[in-house]
Amino acid sequence: MSTRRKLEWLFIVLTVALLLFLKWLHYGVTHYNIFLLVLLAWTLVLILVFKALTALEYSPREREDAPE
């Protein structure tokens, strides 16, 4: 398995861990606004990381031919 795949799986596991931790804290019920801010921030982090991983995979010339 490549390093990129391991990083992708790591972020999936971290997402599950974050959701379980927030569930354990009952943040979805007691502090709903904080819960939403944490989820939005984590989503932004995931988007940036996966965008960076994808950008590293393709060179600028190959990016034109890559499926979207």
PDB file of N, CA and C in Angstrom:
ATOM      1  N   MET A   1       0.848  -1.165   0.000  1.00  0.00           N
ATOM      2  CA  MET A   1       0.000   0.000   0.000  1.00  0.00           C
ATOM      3  C   MET A   1       0.902   1.238   0.000  1.00  0.00           C
ATOM      4  N   SER A   2       0.565   2.190  -0.823  1.00  0.00           N
ATOM      5  CA  SER A   2       1.380   3.392  -0.956  1.00  0.00           C
ATOM      6  C   SER A   2       1.200   4.314   0.258  1.00  0.00           C
ATOM      7  N   THR A   3       2.120   5.224   0.406  1.00  0.00           N
ATOM      8  CA  THR A   3       2.059   6.185   1.508  1.00  0.00           C
ATOM      9  C   THR A   3       0.822   7.060   1.390  1.00  0.00           C
ATOM     10  N   ARG A   4       0.458   7.395   0.155  1.00  0.00           N
ATOM     11  CA  ARG A   4      -0.736   8.224  -0.052  1.00  0.00           C
ATOM     12  C   ARG A   4      -1.988   7.510   0.441  1.00  0.00           C
ATOM     13  N   ARG A   5      -2.096   6.226   0.123  1.00  0.00           N
ATOM     14  CA  ARG A   5      -3.262   5.451   0.580  1.00  0.00           C
ATOM     15  C   ARG A   5      -3.294   5.357   2.097  1.00  0.00           C
ATOM     16  N   LYS A   6      -2.125   5.180   2.710  1.00  0.00           N
ATOM     17  CA  LYS A   6      -2.072   5.106   4.168  1.00  0.00           C
ATOM     18  C   LYS A   6      -2.519   6.421   4.793  1.00  0.00           C
ATOM     19  N   LEU A   7      -2.118   7.535   4.198  1.00  0.00           N
ATOM     20  CA  LEU A   7      -2.559   8.842   4.698  1.00  0.00           C
ATOM     21  C   LEU A   7      -4.067   9.006   4.559  1.00  0.00           C
ATOM     22  N   GLU A   8      -4.614   8.558   3.452  1.00  0.00           N
ATOM     23  CA  GLU A   8      -6.067   8.655   3.256  1.00  0.00           C
ATOM     24  C   GLU A   8      -6.805   7.848   4.315  1.00  0.00           C
ATOM     25  N   TRP A   9      -6.344   6.631   4.569  1.00  0.00           N
ATOM     26  CA  TRP A   9      -6.986   5.798   5.589  1.00  0.00           C
ATOM     27  C   TRP A   9      -6.803   6.400   6.983  1.00  0.00           C
ATOM     28  N   LEU A  10      -5.654   7.011   7.220  1.00  0.00           N
ATOM     29  CA  LEU A  10      -5.418   7.654   8.508  1.00  0.00           C
ATOM     30  C   LEU A  10      -6.437   8.763   8.753  1.00  0.00           C
ATOM     31  N   PHE A  11      -6.729   9.565   7.734  1.00  0.00           N
ATOM     32  CA  PHE A  11      -7.702  10.642   7.910  1.00  0.00           C
ATOM     33  C   PHE A  11      -9.121  10.101   8.078  1.00  0.00           C
ATOM     34  N   ILE A  12      -9.428   8.981   7.481  1.00  0.00           N
ATOM     35  CA  ILE A  12     -10.739   8.367   7.707  1.00  0.00           C
ATOM     36  C   ILE A  12     -10.857   7.895   9.154  1.00  0.00           C
ATOM     37  N   VAL A  13      -9.810   7.259   9.651  1.00  0.00           N
ATOM     38  CA  VAL A  13      -9.806   6.793  11.038  1.00  0.00           C
ATOM     39  C   VAL A  13      -9.864   7.981  12.007  1.00  0.00           C
ATOM     40  N   LEU A  14      -9.126   9.043  11.700  1.00  0.00           N
ATOM     41  CA  LEU A  14      -9.173  10.238  12.551  1.00  0.00           C
ATOM     42  C   LEU A  14     -10.562  10.875  12.554  1.00  0.00           C
ATOM     43  N   THR A  15     -11.245  10.822  11.430  1.00  0.00           N
ATOM     44  CA  THR A  15     -12.610  11.359  11.361  1.00  0.00           C
ATOM     45  C   THR A  15     -13.546  10.555  12.253  1.00  0.00           C
ATOM     46  N   VAL A  16     -13.437   9.253  12.194  1.00  0.00           N
ATOM     47  CA  VAL A  16     -14.268   8.390  13.048  1.00  0.00           C
ATOM     48  C   VAL A  16     -13.951   8.658  14.517  1.00  0.00           C
ATOM     49  N   ALA A  17     -12.660   8.765  14.837  1.00  0.00           N
ATOM     50  CA  ALA A  17     -12.264   9.031  16.224  1.00  0.00           C
ATOM     51  C   ALA A  17     -12.811  10.379  16.705  1.00  0.00           C
ATOM     52  N   LEU A  18     -12.751  11.399  15.860  1.00  0.00           N
ATOM     53  CA  LEU A  18     -13.286  12.710  16.229  1.00  0.00           C
ATOM     54  C   LEU A  18     -14.784  12.637  16.496  1.00  0.00           C
ATOM     55  N   LEU A  19     -15.512  11.962  15.627  1.00  0.00           N
ATOM     56  CA  LEU A  19     -16.958  11.853  15.822  1.00  0.00           C
ATOM     57  C   LEU A  19     -17.305  11.082  17.092  1.00  0.00           C
ATOM     58  N   LEU A  20     -16.568  10.006  17.364  1.00  0.00           N
ATOM     59  CA  LEU A  20     -16.817   9.250  18.595  1.00  0.00           C
ATOM     60  C   LEU A  20     -16.478  10.080  19.832  1.00  0.00           C
ATOM     61  N   PHE A  21     -15.400  10.851  19.757  1.00  0.00           N
ATOM     62  CA  PHE A  21     -15.019  11.711  20.875  1.00  0.00           C
ATOM     63  C   PHE A  21     -16.080  12.784  21.128  1.00  0.00           C
ATOM     64  N   LEU A  22     -16.555  13.407  20.065  1.00  0.00           N
ATOM     65  CA  LEU A  22     -17.599  14.421  20.229  1.00  0.00           C
ATOM     66  C   LEU A  22     -18.898  13.806  20.745  1.00  0.00           C
ATOM     67  N   LYS A  23     -19.174  12.574  20.338  1.00  0.00           N
ATOM     68  CA  LYS A  23     -20.365  11.888  20.850  1.00  0.00           C
ATOM     69  C   LYS A  23     -20.203  11.605  22.347  1.00  0.00           C
ATOM     70  N   TRP A  24     -19.007  11.196  22.735  1.00  0.00           N
ATOM     71  CA  TRP A  24     -18.733  10.905  24.129  1.00  0.00           C
ATOM     72  C   TRP A  24     -18.882  12.163  24.992  1.00  0.00           C
ATOM     73  N   LEU A  25     -18.494  13.319  24.446  1.00  0.00           N
ATOM     74  CA  LEU A  25     -18.618  14.582  25.168  1.00  0.00           C
ATOM     75  C   LEU A  25     -20.040  15.135  25.148  1.00  0.00           C
ATOM     76  N   HIS A  26     -20.900  14.548  24.335  1.00  0.00           N
ATOM     77  CA  HIS A  26     -22.284  15.012  24.153  1.00  0.00           C
ATOM     78  C   HIS A  26     -22.337  16.432  23.597  1.00  0.00           C
ATOM     79  N   TYR A  27     -21.363  16.797  22.764  1.00  0.00           N
ATOM     80  CA  TYR A  27     -21.305  18.147  22.210  1.00  0.00           C
ATOM     81  C   TYR A  27     -22.434  18.415  21.225  1.00  0.00           C
ATOM     82  N   GLY A  28     -22.930  17.400  20.572  1.00  0.00           N
ATOM     83  CA  GLY A  28     -24.016  17.605  19.630  1.00  0.00           C
ATOM     84  C   GLY A  28     -25.297  18.046  20.311  1.00  0.00           C
ATOM     85  N   VAL A  29     -25.401  17.764  21.609  1.00  0.00           N
ATOM     86  CA  VAL A  29     -26.610  18.107  22.356  1.00  0.00           C
ATOM     87  C   VAL A  29     -26.385  19.347  23.226  1.00  0.00           C
ATOM     88  N   THR A  30     -25.266  19.352  23.962  1.00  0.00           N
ATOM     89  CA  THR A  30     -25.067  20.415  24.940  1.00  0.00           C
ATOM     90  C   THR A  30     -24.449  21.680  24.352  1.00  0.00           C
ATOM     91  N   HIS A  31     -23.584  21.536  23.366  1.00  0.00           N
ATOM     92  CA  HIS A  31     -22.901  22.689  22.763  1.00  0.00           C
ATOM     93  C   HIS A  31     -22.984  22.561  21.241  1.00  0.00           C
ATOM     94  N   TYR A  32     -24.172  22.705  20.734  1.00  0.00           N
ATOM     95  CA  TYR A  32     -24.408  22.445  19.310  1.00  0.00           C
ATOM     96  C   TYR A  32     -23.584  23.359  18.408  1.00  0.00           C
ATOM     97  N   ASN A  33     -23.463  24.624  18.746  1.00  0.00           N
ATOM     98  CA  ASN A  33     -22.703  25.562  17.909  1.00  0.00           C
ATOM     99  C   ASN A  33     -21.225  25.183  17.843  1.00  0.00           C
ATOM    100  N   ILE A  34     -20.661  24.803  18.977  1.00  0.00           N
ATOM    101  CA  ILE A  34     -19.262  24.362  18.995  1.00  0.00           C
ATOM    102  C   ILE A  34     -19.108  23.085  18.184  1.00  0.00           C
ATOM    103  N   PHE A  35     -20.059  22.198  18.328  1.00  0.00           N
ATOM    104  CA  PHE A  35     -20.058  20.943  17.564  1.00  0.00           C
ATOM    105  C   PHE A  35     -20.026  21.223  16.061  1.00  0.00           C
ATOM    106  N   LEU A  36     -20.864  22.150  15.613  1.00  0.00           N
ATOM    107  CA  LEU A  36     -20.887  22.495  14.189  1.00  0.00           C
ATOM    108  C   LEU A  36     -19.600  23.170  13.744  1.00  0.00           C
ATOM    109  N   LEU A  37     -19.039  24.026  14.567  1.00  0.00           N
ATOM    110  CA  LEU A  37     -17.768  24.669  14.230  1.00  0.00           C
ATOM    111  C   LEU A  37     -16.634  23.654  14.111  1.00  0.00           C
ATOM    112  N   VAL A  38     -16.605  22.690  15.005  1.00  0.00           N
ATOM    113  CA  VAL A  38     -15.582  21.641  14.944  1.00  0.00           C
ATOM    114  C   VAL A  38     -15.748  20.834  13.664  1.00  0.00           C
ATOM    115  N   LEU A  39     -16.982  20.470  13.330  1.00  0.00           N
ATOM    116  CA  LEU A  39     -17.222  19.696  12.103  1.00  0.00           C
ATOM    117  C   LEU A  39     -16.864  20.497  10.854  1.00  0.00           C
ATOM    118  N   LEU A  40     -17.196  21.766  10.832  1.00  0.00           N
ATOM    119  CA  LEU A  40     -16.845  22.607   9.683  1.00  0.00           C
ATOM    120  C   LEU A  40     -15.329  22.759   9.541  1.00  0.00           C
ATOM    121  N   ALA A  41     -14.648  22.963  10.656  1.00  0.00           N
ATOM    122  CA  ALA A  41     -13.188  23.092  10.615  1.00  0.00           C
ATOM    123  C   ALA A  41     -12.541  21.793  10.152  1.00  0.00           C
ATOM    124  N   TRP A  42     -13.027  20.674  10.656  1.00  0.00           N
ATOM    125  CA  TRP A  42     -12.472  19.377  10.254  1.00  0.00           C
ATOM    126  C   TRP A  42     -12.732  19.117   8.768  1.00  0.00           C
ATOM    127  N   THR A  43     -13.888  19.492   8.285  1.00  0.00           N
ATOM    128  CA  THR A  43     -14.198  19.331   6.864  1.00  0.00           C
ATOM    129  C   THR A  43     -13.259  20.164   6.007  1.00  0.00           C
ATOM    130  N   LEU A  44     -12.986  21.388   6.438  1.00  0.00           N
ATOM    131  CA  LEU A  44     -12.037  22.242   5.716  1.00  0.00           C
ATOM    132  C   LEU A  44     -10.647  21.604   5.695  1.00  0.00           C
ATOM    133  N   VAL A  45     -10.212  21.063   6.825  1.00  0.00           N
ATOM    134  CA  VAL A  45      -8.911  20.388   6.877  1.00  0.00           C
ATOM    135  C   VAL A  45      -8.883  19.215   5.909  1.00  0.00           C
ATOM    136  N   LEU A  46      -9.935  18.415   5.897  1.00  0.00           N
ATOM    137  CA  LEU A  46      -9.992  17.259   4.991  1.00  0.00           C
ATOM    138  C   LEU A  46      -9.945  17.693   3.527  1.00  0.00           C
ATOM    139  N   ILE A  47     -10.679  18.725   3.189  1.00  0.00           N
ATOM    140  CA  ILE A  47     -10.683  19.212   1.805  1.00  0.00           C
ATOM    141  C   ILE A  47      -9.293  19.667   1.398  1.00  0.00           C
ATOM    142  N   LEU A  48      -8.633  20.423   2.254  1.00  0.00           N
ATOM    143  CA  LEU A  48      -7.293  20.919   1.932  1.00  0.00           C
ATOM    144  C   LEU A  48      -6.279  19.777   1.819  1.00  0.00           C
ATOM    145  N   VAL A  49      -6.364  18.818   2.713  1.00  0.00           N
ATOM    146  CA  VAL A  49      -5.414  17.692   2.676  1.00  0.00           C
ATOM    147  C   VAL A  49      -5.619  16.857   1.422  1.00  0.00           C
ATOM    148  N   PHE A  50      -6.853  16.504   1.119  1.00  0.00           N
ATOM    149  CA  PHE A  50      -7.092  15.663  -0.053  1.00  0.00           C
ATOM    150  C   PHE A  50      -6.816  16.417  -1.349  1.00  0.00           C
ATOM    151  N   LYS A  51      -7.033  17.726  -1.351  1.00  0.00           N
ATOM    152  CA  LYS A  51      -6.682  18.529  -2.525  1.00  0.00           C
ATOM    153  C   LYS A  51      -5.165  18.542  -2.720  1.00  0.00           C
ATOM    154  N   ALA A  52      -4.425  18.672  -1.617  1.00  0.00           N
ATOM    155  CA  ALA A  52      -2.963  18.648  -1.699  1.00  0.00           C
ATOM    156  C   ALA A  52      -2.460  17.278  -2.144  1.00  0.00           C
ATOM    157  N   LEU A  53      -3.069  16.224  -1.642  1.00  0.00           N
ATOM    158  CA  LEU A  53      -2.649  14.881  -2.052  1.00  0.00           C
ATOM    159  C   LEU A  53      -2.913  14.648  -3.529  1.00  0.00           C
ATOM    160  N   THR A  54      -4.035  15.155  -4.022  1.00  0.00           N
ATOM    161  CA  THR A  54      -4.362  15.005  -5.434  1.00  0.00           C
ATOM    162  C   THR A  54      -3.440  15.856  -6.295  1.00  0.00           C
ATOM    163  N   ALA A  55      -3.104  17.051  -5.830  1.00  0.00           N
ATOM    164  CA  ALA A  55      -2.219  17.932  -6.592  1.00  0.00           C
ATOM    165  C   ALA A  55      -0.822  17.340  -6.712  1.00  0.00           C
ATOM    166  N   LEU A  56      -0.374  16.628  -5.692  1.00  0.00           N
ATOM    167  CA  LEU A  56       0.938  15.997  -5.748  1.00  0.00           C
ATOM    168  C   LEU A  56       0.957  14.816  -6.705  1.00  0.00           C
ATOM    169  N   GLU A  57      -0.192  14.208  -6.911  1.00  0.00           N
ATOM    170  CA  GLU A  57      -0.261  13.016  -7.759  1.00  0.00           C
ATOM    171  C   GLU A  57      -0.087  13.352  -9.231  1.00  0.00           C
ATOM    172  N   TYR A  58      -0.646  14.450  -9.678  1.00  0.00           N
ATOM    173  CA  TYR A  58      -0.624  14.809 -11.094  1.00  0.00           C
ATOM    174  C   TYR A  58       0.302  15.997 -11.325  1.00  0.00           C
ATOM    175  N   SER A  59       1.051  15.929 -12.386  1.00  0.00           N
ATOM    176  CA  SER A  59       1.821  17.095 -12.797  1.00  0.00           C
ATOM    177  C   SER A  59       0.868  18.042 -13.527  1.00  0.00           C
ATOM    178  N   PRO A  60       1.239  19.310 -13.750  1.00  0.00           N
ATOM    179  CA  PRO A  60       0.318  20.248 -14.416  1.00  0.00           C
ATOM    180  C   PRO A  60      -0.126  19.771 -15.802  1.00  0.00           C
ATOM    181  N   ARG A  61       0.738  19.114 -16.544  1.00  0.00           N
ATOM    182  CA  ARG A  61       0.356  18.647 -17.876  1.00  0.00           C
ATOM    183  C   ARG A  61      -0.619  17.477 -17.794  1.00  0.00           C
ATOM    184  N   GLU A  62      -0.394  16.576 -16.871  1.00  0.00           N
ATOM    185  CA  GLU A  62      -1.279  15.420 -16.706  1.00  0.00           C
ATOM    186  C   GLU A  62      -2.635  15.840 -16.149  1.00  0.00           C
ATOM    187  N   ARG A  63      -2.688  16.948 -15.437  1.00  0.00           N
ATOM    188  CA  ARG A  63      -3.928  17.396 -14.824  1.00  0.00           C
ATOM    189  C   ARG A  63      -4.989  17.714 -15.872  1.00  0.00           C
ATOM    190  N   GLU A  64      -4.573  18.159 -17.060  1.00  0.00           N
ATOM    191  CA  GLU A  64      -5.526  18.463 -18.124  1.00  0.00           C
ATOM    192  C   GLU A  64      -6.213  17.204 -18.621  1.00  0.00           C
ATOM    193  N   ASP A  65      -5.498  16.076 -18.595  1.00  0.00           N
ATOM    194  CA  ASP A  65      -6.046  14.821 -19.096  1.00  0.00           C
ATOM    195  C   ASP A  65      -6.739  14.008 -18.000  1.00  0.00           C
ATOM    196  N   ALA A  66      -6.594  14.405 -16.765  1.00  0.00           N
ATOM    197  CA  ALA A  66      -7.141  13.635 -15.647  1.00  0.00           C
ATOM    198  C   ALA A  66      -8.661  13.788 -15.600  1.00  0.00           C
ATOM    199  N   PRO A  67      -9.361  12.690 -15.263  1.00  0.00           N
ATOM    200  CA  PRO A  67     -10.822  12.793 -15.114  1.00  0.00           C
ATOM    201  C   PRO A  67     -11.163  13.587 -13.861  1.00  0.00           C
ATOM    202  N   GLU A  68     -12.267  14.312 -13.907  1.00  0.00           N
ATOM    203  CA  GLU A  68     -12.673  15.122 -12.754  1.00  0.00           C
ATOM    204  C   GLU A  68     -13.804  14.493 -12.016  1.00  0.00           C
TER     205      GLU A  68
END
